[in-house]
Amino acid sequence: MSDERTPRIPPLPEELWDDEVRTALQRGSSSLRVEKIPNAVSTILHHPDLAGRWLAYNGIFVTNSNIDVRTRELLILTVAYRTRSAYEWLQHLRTAERFGVGQDDIDAIAAGVPAESWTAAEVAVVDTAAQLLDGYTVDDETWGRLTQHFDNRQVIEIAFAVGSYTCLAMALNAFGVQLDPELEEIDRSAIAAWEMTSGSIPKAS
């Protein structure tokens, strides 16, 4: 996972961005609603063609999703926690409140048990994500609960979202991507669940 060591692949400095890199960023602009390009993105810009296509694809989950934003964030946080991706976990904790995700939701994901406030649909999504991560499939009982609340289009998106954010988490962990400085501003109570089971959150570079 990301830690305090020197990153295996450092972010590509802006002074080295060429036309190919800027084209990649333009292609993925729908999924980049930020003022400053985060380390996760500037790291994969070493491969601009892949970065551009990945960002454009990931934009489906960000700007053209068929599931509501709170459900999406519960799914992503589940992936981030179970893949031990501190970077992905903190990035989505930073925006959690904006999408209706509170401390009880965060604690529940870390504990691996549903929060009392979760709807049956939210429980089904989190259980689906957990099963896909643990066994690469979904059992019949969970599938039945999932399809009671989501149509085929949504179910396909849920499965691909789990896979996509798992792929990203693995890459971030493998590359040793360091935290962005603004992640230091997250309320300490919001990351306590992580630290109880995964050790200290790494420091930003």
C-alpha atoms as a PDB file:
ATOM      1  CA  MET A   1       0.000   0.000   0.000  1.00  0.00           C
ATOM      2  CA  SER A   2       1.016   3.628  -0.192  1.00  0.00           C
ATOM      3  CA  ASP A   3       3.390   4.543   2.612  1.00  0.00           C
ATOM      4  CA  GLU A   4       6.110   6.990   3.579  1.00  0.00           C
ATOM      5  CA  ARG A   5       8.813   5.497   1.398  1.00  0.00           C
ATOM      6  CA  THR A   6       9.872   7.041  -1.876  1.00  0.00           C
ATOM      7  CA  PRO A   7       7.182   6.159  -4.429  1.00  0.00           C
ATOM      8  CA  ARG A   8       8.132   3.421  -6.847  1.00  0.00           C
ATOM      9  CA  ILE A   9       6.763   5.552  -9.675  1.00  0.00           C
ATOM     10  CA  PRO A  10       6.736   9.274  -8.854  1.00  0.00           C
ATOM     11  CA  PRO A  11       4.057  11.641 -10.169  1.00  0.00           C
ATOM     12  CA  LEU A  12       4.919  13.086 -13.570  1.00  0.00           C
ATOM     13  CA  PRO A  13       5.928  16.737 -12.981  1.00  0.00           C
ATOM     14  CA  GLU A  14       3.780  19.280 -14.783  1.00  0.00           C
ATOM     15  CA  GLU A  15       6.815  20.731 -16.558  1.00  0.00           C
ATOM     16  CA  LEU A  16       7.176  17.376 -18.335  1.00  0.00           C
ATOM     17  CA  TRP A  17       3.609  17.290 -19.609  1.00  0.00           C
ATOM     18  CA  ASP A  18       3.628  17.205 -23.391  1.00  0.00           C
ATOM     19  CA  ASP A  19       0.783  17.282 -25.914  1.00  0.00           C
ATOM     20  CA  GLU A  20       0.114  13.556 -25.432  1.00  0.00           C
ATOM     21  CA  VAL A  21      -0.318  14.049 -21.684  1.00  0.00           C
ATOM     22  CA  ARG A  22      -2.575  17.072 -22.113  1.00  0.00           C
ATOM     23  CA  THR A  23      -4.695  15.130 -24.603  1.00  0.00           C
ATOM     24  CA  ALA A  24      -5.036  12.344 -22.042  1.00  0.00           C
ATOM     25  CA  LEU A  25      -6.210  14.805 -19.404  1.00  0.00           C
ATOM     26  CA  GLN A  26      -8.683  16.373 -21.807  1.00  0.00           C
ATOM     27  CA  ARG A  27     -10.036  12.949 -22.712  1.00  0.00           C
ATOM     28  CA  GLY A  28     -10.593  12.164 -19.048  1.00  0.00           C
ATOM     29  CA  SER A  29     -11.849  15.591 -18.033  1.00  0.00           C
ATOM     30  CA  SER A  30     -15.329  14.325 -17.129  1.00  0.00           C
ATOM     31  CA  SER A  31     -13.910  12.319 -14.224  1.00  0.00           C
ATOM     32  CA  LEU A  32     -11.477  15.031 -13.043  1.00  0.00           C
ATOM     33  CA  ARG A  33     -13.536  17.557 -11.105  1.00  0.00           C
ATOM     34  CA  VAL A  34     -10.564  18.956  -9.205  1.00  0.00           C
ATOM     35  CA  GLU A  35      -8.408  22.076  -9.302  1.00  0.00           C
ATOM     36  CA  LYS A  36      -5.152  20.177  -8.817  1.00  0.00           C
ATOM     37  CA  ILE A  37      -4.350  16.874 -10.477  1.00  0.00           C
ATOM     38  CA  PRO A  38      -3.987  14.294  -7.682  1.00  0.00           C
ATOM     39  CA  ASN A  39      -0.932  12.070  -7.316  1.00  0.00           C
ATOM     40  CA  ALA A  40      -2.918   9.019  -8.439  1.00  0.00           C
ATOM     41  CA  VAL A  41      -3.569  10.600 -11.828  1.00  0.00           C
ATOM     42  CA  SER A  42      -0.210  12.302 -12.308  1.00  0.00           C
ATOM     43  CA  THR A  43       1.471   8.950 -11.631  1.00  0.00           C
ATOM     44  CA  ILE A  44      -0.361   7.077 -14.363  1.00  0.00           C
ATOM     45  CA  LEU A  45       0.295   9.979 -16.753  1.00  0.00           C
ATOM     46  CA  HIS A  46       3.643   8.290 -17.388  1.00  0.00           C
ATOM     47  CA  HIS A  47       1.457   6.168 -19.712  1.00  0.00           C
ATOM     48  CA  PRO A  48      -0.736   8.881 -21.231  1.00  0.00           C
ATOM     49  CA  ASP A  49      -2.669   6.681 -23.642  1.00  0.00           C
ATOM     50  CA  LEU A  50      -3.710   4.325 -20.854  1.00  0.00           C
ATOM     51  CA  ALA A  51      -4.359   7.235 -18.484  1.00  0.00           C
ATOM     52  CA  GLY A  52      -6.635   9.015 -20.920  1.00  0.00           C
ATOM     53  CA  ARG A  53      -8.642   5.909 -21.728  1.00  0.00           C
ATOM     54  CA  TRP A  54      -8.867   4.921 -18.059  1.00  0.00           C
ATOM     55  CA  LEU A  55     -10.071   8.353 -16.983  1.00  0.00           C
ATOM     56  CA  ALA A  56     -12.666   8.451 -19.753  1.00  0.00           C
ATOM     57  CA  TYR A  57     -13.921   4.995 -18.770  1.00  0.00           C
ATOM     58  CA  ASN A  58     -13.960   5.838 -15.074  1.00  0.00           C
ATOM     59  CA  GLY A  59     -16.011   8.925 -15.881  1.00  0.00           C
ATOM     60  CA  ILE A  60     -18.992   6.603 -16.357  1.00  0.00           C
ATOM     61  CA  PHE A  61     -19.042   6.005 -12.599  1.00  0.00           C
ATOM     62  CA  VAL A  62     -18.465   9.674 -11.770  1.00  0.00           C
ATOM     63  CA  THR A  63     -20.683  11.620 -14.159  1.00  0.00           C
ATOM     64  CA  ASN A  64     -22.987   9.150 -15.890  1.00  0.00           C
ATOM     65  CA  SER A  65     -23.781   6.588 -13.208  1.00  0.00           C
ATOM     66  CA  ASN A  66     -26.982   4.589 -13.003  1.00  0.00           C
ATOM     67  CA  ILE A  67     -26.716   4.186  -9.237  1.00  0.00           C
ATOM     68  CA  ASP A  68     -27.078   6.952  -6.671  1.00  0.00           C
ATOM     69  CA  VAL A  69     -23.960   8.674  -5.360  1.00  0.00           C
ATOM     70  CA  ARG A  70     -24.284   7.473  -1.760  1.00  0.00           C
ATOM     71  CA  THR A  71     -24.506   3.838  -2.877  1.00  0.00           C
ATOM     72  CA  ARG A  72     -21.537   4.380  -5.188  1.00  0.00           C
ATOM     73  CA  GLU A  73     -19.429   5.768  -2.346  1.00  0.00           C
ATOM     74  CA  LEU A  74     -20.336   2.903  -0.005  1.00  0.00           C
ATOM     75  CA  LEU A  75     -19.183   0.535  -2.747  1.00  0.00           C
ATOM     76  CA  ILE A  76     -15.907   2.377  -3.346  1.00  0.00           C
ATOM     77  CA  LEU A  77     -15.114   2.659   0.363  1.00  0.00           C
ATOM     78  CA  THR A  78     -15.734  -1.074   0.719  1.00  0.00           C
ATOM     79  CA  VAL A  79     -13.265  -1.747  -2.083  1.00  0.00           C
ATOM     80  CA  ALA A  80     -10.699   0.689  -0.676  1.00  0.00           C
ATOM     81  CA  TYR A  81     -10.867  -0.797   2.806  1.00  0.00           C
ATOM     82  CA  ARG A  82     -10.697  -4.424   1.740  1.00  0.00           C
ATOM     83  CA  THR A  83      -7.815  -3.803  -0.688  1.00  0.00           C
ATOM     84  CA  ARG A  84      -5.964  -1.844   2.028  1.00  0.00           C
ATOM     85  CA  SER A  85      -5.577   1.132  -0.300  1.00  0.00           C
ATOM     86  CA  ALA A  86      -4.996   4.028   2.093  1.00  0.00           C
ATOM     87  CA  TYR A  87      -4.905   6.461  -0.819  1.00  0.00           C
ATOM     88  CA  GLU A  88      -8.277   5.391  -2.241  1.00  0.00           C
ATOM     89  CA  TRP A  89      -9.779   5.207   1.262  1.00  0.00           C
ATOM     90  CA  LEU A  90      -8.745   8.729   2.227  1.00  0.00           C
ATOM     91  CA  GLN A  91      -9.651  10.270  -1.130  1.00  0.00           C
ATOM     92  CA  HIS A  92     -13.200   9.018  -0.712  1.00  0.00           C
ATOM     93  CA  LEU A  93     -13.413   9.831   2.986  1.00  0.00           C
ATOM     94  CA  ARG A  94     -12.609  13.396   1.973  1.00  0.00           C
ATOM     95  CA  THR A  95     -15.801  13.621  -0.091  1.00  0.00           C
ATOM     96  CA  ALA A  96     -17.934  11.162   1.888  1.00  0.00           C
ATOM     97  CA  GLU A  97     -20.065  13.718   3.715  1.00  0.00           C
ATOM     98  CA  ARG A  98     -20.903  15.484   0.454  1.00  0.00           C
ATOM     99  CA  PHE A  99     -22.471  12.250  -0.777  1.00  0.00           C
ATOM    100  CA  GLY A 100     -24.364  11.455   2.411  1.00  0.00           C
ATOM    101  CA  VAL A 101     -21.877   8.999   3.919  1.00  0.00           C
ATOM    102  CA  GLY A 102     -21.361   9.493   7.651  1.00  0.00           C
ATOM    103  CA  GLN A 103     -19.147   8.163  10.416  1.00  0.00           C
ATOM    104  CA  ASP A 104     -21.545   5.297  11.172  1.00  0.00           C
ATOM    105  CA  ASP A 105     -21.235   4.133   7.558  1.00  0.00           C
ATOM    106  CA  ILE A 106     -17.441   4.335   7.677  1.00  0.00           C
ATOM    107  CA  ASP A 107     -17.282   2.382  10.950  1.00  0.00           C
ATOM    108  CA  ALA A 108     -19.624  -0.268   9.550  1.00  0.00           C
ATOM    109  CA  ILE A 109     -17.488  -0.803   6.458  1.00  0.00           C
ATOM    110  CA  ALA A 110     -14.399  -1.199   8.623  1.00  0.00           C
ATOM    111  CA  ALA A 111     -16.188  -3.614  10.949  1.00  0.00           C
ATOM    112  CA  GLY A 112     -17.608  -5.647   8.083  1.00  0.00           C
ATOM    113  CA  VAL A 113     -21.187  -5.387   9.376  1.00  0.00           C
ATOM    114  CA  PRO A 114     -24.139  -3.378   8.017  1.00  0.00           C
ATOM    115  CA  ALA A 115     -24.935  -0.059   9.661  1.00  0.00           C
ATOM    116  CA  GLU A 116     -28.392   0.117  11.221  1.00  0.00           C
ATOM    117  CA  SER A 117     -29.256   2.974   8.872  1.00  0.00           C
ATOM    118  CA  TRP A 118     -28.470   1.052   5.673  1.00  0.00           C
ATOM    119  CA  THR A 119     -31.314   0.198   3.358  1.00  0.00           C
ATOM    120  CA  ALA A 120     -31.720  -3.339   2.052  1.00  0.00           C
ATOM    121  CA  ALA A 121     -30.389  -2.124  -1.303  1.00  0.00           C
ATOM    122  CA  GLU A 122     -27.248  -0.667   0.298  1.00  0.00           C
ATOM    123  CA  VAL A 123     -26.624  -3.872   2.253  1.00  0.00           C
ATOM    124  CA  ALA A 124     -26.949  -5.868  -0.965  1.00  0.00           C
ATOM    125  CA  VAL A 125     -24.421  -3.650  -2.769  1.00  0.00           C
ATOM    126  CA  VAL A 126     -21.845  -3.780   0.019  1.00  0.00           C
ATOM    127  CA  ASP A 127     -22.286  -7.566   0.356  1.00  0.00           C
ATOM    128  CA  THR A 128     -21.867  -7.917  -3.411  1.00  0.00           C
ATOM    129  CA  ALA A 129     -18.658  -5.887  -3.351  1.00  0.00           C
ATOM    130  CA  ALA A 130     -17.301  -7.925  -0.449  1.00  0.00           C
ATOM    131  CA  GLN A 131     -18.060 -11.228  -2.156  1.00  0.00           C
ATOM    132  CA  LEU A 132     -16.539 -10.150  -5.443  1.00  0.00           C
ATOM    133  CA  LEU A 133     -13.369  -9.099  -3.641  1.00  0.00           C
ATOM    134  CA  ASP A 134     -13.158 -12.244  -1.504  1.00  0.00           C
ATOM    135  CA  GLY A 135     -14.209 -14.898  -4.000  1.00  0.00           C
ATOM    136  CA  TYR A 136     -14.519 -13.196  -7.413  1.00  0.00           C
ATOM    137  CA  THR A 137     -18.214 -14.068  -7.709  1.00  0.00           C
ATOM    138  CA  VAL A 138     -21.553 -13.536  -5.971  1.00  0.00           C
ATOM    139  CA  ASP A 139     -23.604 -16.296  -4.372  1.00  0.00           C
ATOM    140  CA  ASP A 140     -27.233 -16.905  -5.313  1.00  0.00           C
ATOM    141  CA  GLU A 141     -28.661 -15.476  -2.106  1.00  0.00           C
ATOM    142  CA  THR A 142     -26.808 -12.178  -2.448  1.00  0.00           C
ATOM    143  CA  TRP A 143     -27.546 -12.024  -6.170  1.00  0.00           C
ATOM    144  CA  GLY A 144     -31.225 -12.444  -5.414  1.00  0.00           C
ATOM    145  CA  ARG A 145     -31.180  -9.558  -2.949  1.00  0.00           C
ATOM    146  CA  LEU A 146     -29.212  -7.368  -5.357  1.00  0.00           C
ATOM    147  CA  THR A 147     -31.582  -7.918  -8.262  1.00  0.00           C
ATOM    148  CA  GLN A 148     -34.601  -7.107  -6.101  1.00  0.00           C
ATOM    149  CA  HIS A 149     -33.364  -3.513  -5.981  1.00  0.00           C
ATOM    150  CA  PHE A 150     -31.371  -2.973  -9.189  1.00  0.00           C
ATOM    151  CA  ASP A 151     -32.059  -3.642 -12.853  1.00  0.00           C
ATOM    152  CA  ASN A 152     -29.638  -5.317 -15.265  1.00  0.00           C
ATOM    153  CA  ARG A 153     -27.991  -2.054 -16.305  1.00  0.00           C
ATOM    154  CA  GLN A 154     -27.331  -1.126 -12.673  1.00  0.00           C
ATOM    155  CA  VAL A 155     -26.109  -4.602 -11.700  1.00  0.00           C
ATOM    156  CA  ILE A 156     -23.615  -4.571 -14.565  1.00  0.00           C
ATOM    157  CA  GLU A 157     -22.374  -1.165 -13.437  1.00  0.00           C
ATOM    158  CA  ILE A 158     -22.027  -2.326  -9.825  1.00  0.00           C
ATOM    159  CA  ALA A 159     -19.894  -5.310 -10.838  1.00  0.00           C
ATOM    160  CA  PHE A 160     -17.705  -3.201 -13.130  1.00  0.00           C
ATOM    161  CA  ALA A 161     -17.341  -0.481 -10.484  1.00  0.00           C
ATOM    162  CA  VAL A 162     -16.057  -3.024  -7.974  1.00  0.00           C
ATOM    163  CA  GLY A 163     -13.584  -4.356 -10.523  1.00  0.00           C
ATOM    164  CA  SER A 164     -12.493  -0.918 -11.677  1.00  0.00           C
ATOM    165  CA  TYR A 165     -11.811   0.493  -8.221  1.00  0.00           C
ATOM    166  CA  THR A 166     -10.093  -2.751  -7.232  1.00  0.00           C
ATOM    167  CA  CYS A 167      -7.824  -2.402 -10.262  1.00  0.00           C
ATOM    168  CA  LEU A 168      -7.048   1.190  -9.303  1.00  0.00           C
ATOM    169  CA  ALA A 169      -6.381   0.241  -5.671  1.00  0.00           C
ATOM    170  CA  MET A 170      -3.949  -2.491  -6.713  1.00  0.00           C
ATOM    171  CA  ALA A 171      -2.084  -0.096  -8.988  1.00  0.00           C
ATOM    172  CA  LEU A 172      -1.878   2.611  -6.304  1.00  0.00           C
ATOM    173  CA  ASN A 173      -0.611   0.100  -3.764  1.00  0.00           C
ATOM    174  CA  ALA A 174       1.941  -1.386  -6.165  1.00  0.00           C
ATOM    175  CA  PHE A 175       3.252   1.987  -7.357  1.00  0.00           C
ATOM    176  CA  GLY A 176       3.618   3.291  -3.787  1.00  0.00           C
ATOM    177  CA  VAL A 177       1.570   6.408  -4.614  1.00  0.00           C
ATOM    178  CA  GLN A 178       1.896   8.883  -1.773  1.00  0.00           C
ATOM    179  CA  LEU A 179      -0.952  10.872  -0.274  1.00  0.00           C
ATOM    180  CA  ASP A 180      -1.785  14.320  -1.547  1.00  0.00           C
ATOM    181  CA  PRO A 181      -1.203  17.086   1.046  1.00  0.00           C
ATOM    182  CA  GLU A 182      -4.900  17.968   1.298  1.00  0.00           C
ATOM    183  CA  LEU A 183      -5.628  14.481   2.630  1.00  0.00           C
ATOM    184  CA  GLU A 184      -3.884  15.525   5.845  1.00  0.00           C
ATOM    185  CA  GLU A 185      -6.847  17.801   6.532  1.00  0.00           C
ATOM    186  CA  ILE A 186      -9.291  14.943   7.033  1.00  0.00           C
ATOM    187  CA  ASP A 187     -10.862  14.811  10.487  1.00  0.00           C
ATOM    188  CA  ARG A 188      -8.965  12.260  12.563  1.00  0.00           C
ATOM    189  CA  SER A 189     -12.226  10.690  13.746  1.00  0.00           C
ATOM    190  CA  ALA A 190     -13.003   9.789  10.164  1.00  0.00           C
ATOM    191  CA  ILE A 191      -9.865   7.655   9.785  1.00  0.00           C
ATOM    192  CA  ALA A 192      -9.868   5.991  13.203  1.00  0.00           C
ATOM    193  CA  ALA A 193     -11.579   2.887  11.793  1.00  0.00           C
ATOM    194  CA  TRP A 194      -8.694   2.348   9.388  1.00  0.00           C
ATOM    195  CA  GLU A 195      -6.005   2.811  12.004  1.00  0.00           C
ATOM    196  CA  MET A 196      -7.559   0.318  14.394  1.00  0.00           C
ATOM    197  CA  THR A 197      -7.111  -2.529  11.912  1.00  0.00           C
ATOM    198  CA  SER A 198      -4.541  -1.397   9.349  1.00  0.00           C
ATOM    199  CA  GLY A 199      -1.988   0.660  11.265  1.00  0.00           C
ATOM    200  CA  SER A 200      -1.180   4.331  10.941  1.00  0.00           C
ATOM    201  CA  ILE A 201      -2.288   6.278   7.908  1.00  0.00           C
ATOM    202  CA  PRO A 202       0.797   7.204   5.853  1.00  0.00           C
ATOM    203  CA  LYS A 203       1.865  10.824   5.751  1.00  0.00           C
ATOM    204  CA  ALA A 204       1.568  13.001   2.689  1.00  0.00           C
ATOM    205  CA  SER A 205       4.747  13.841   0.830  1.00  0.00           C
END
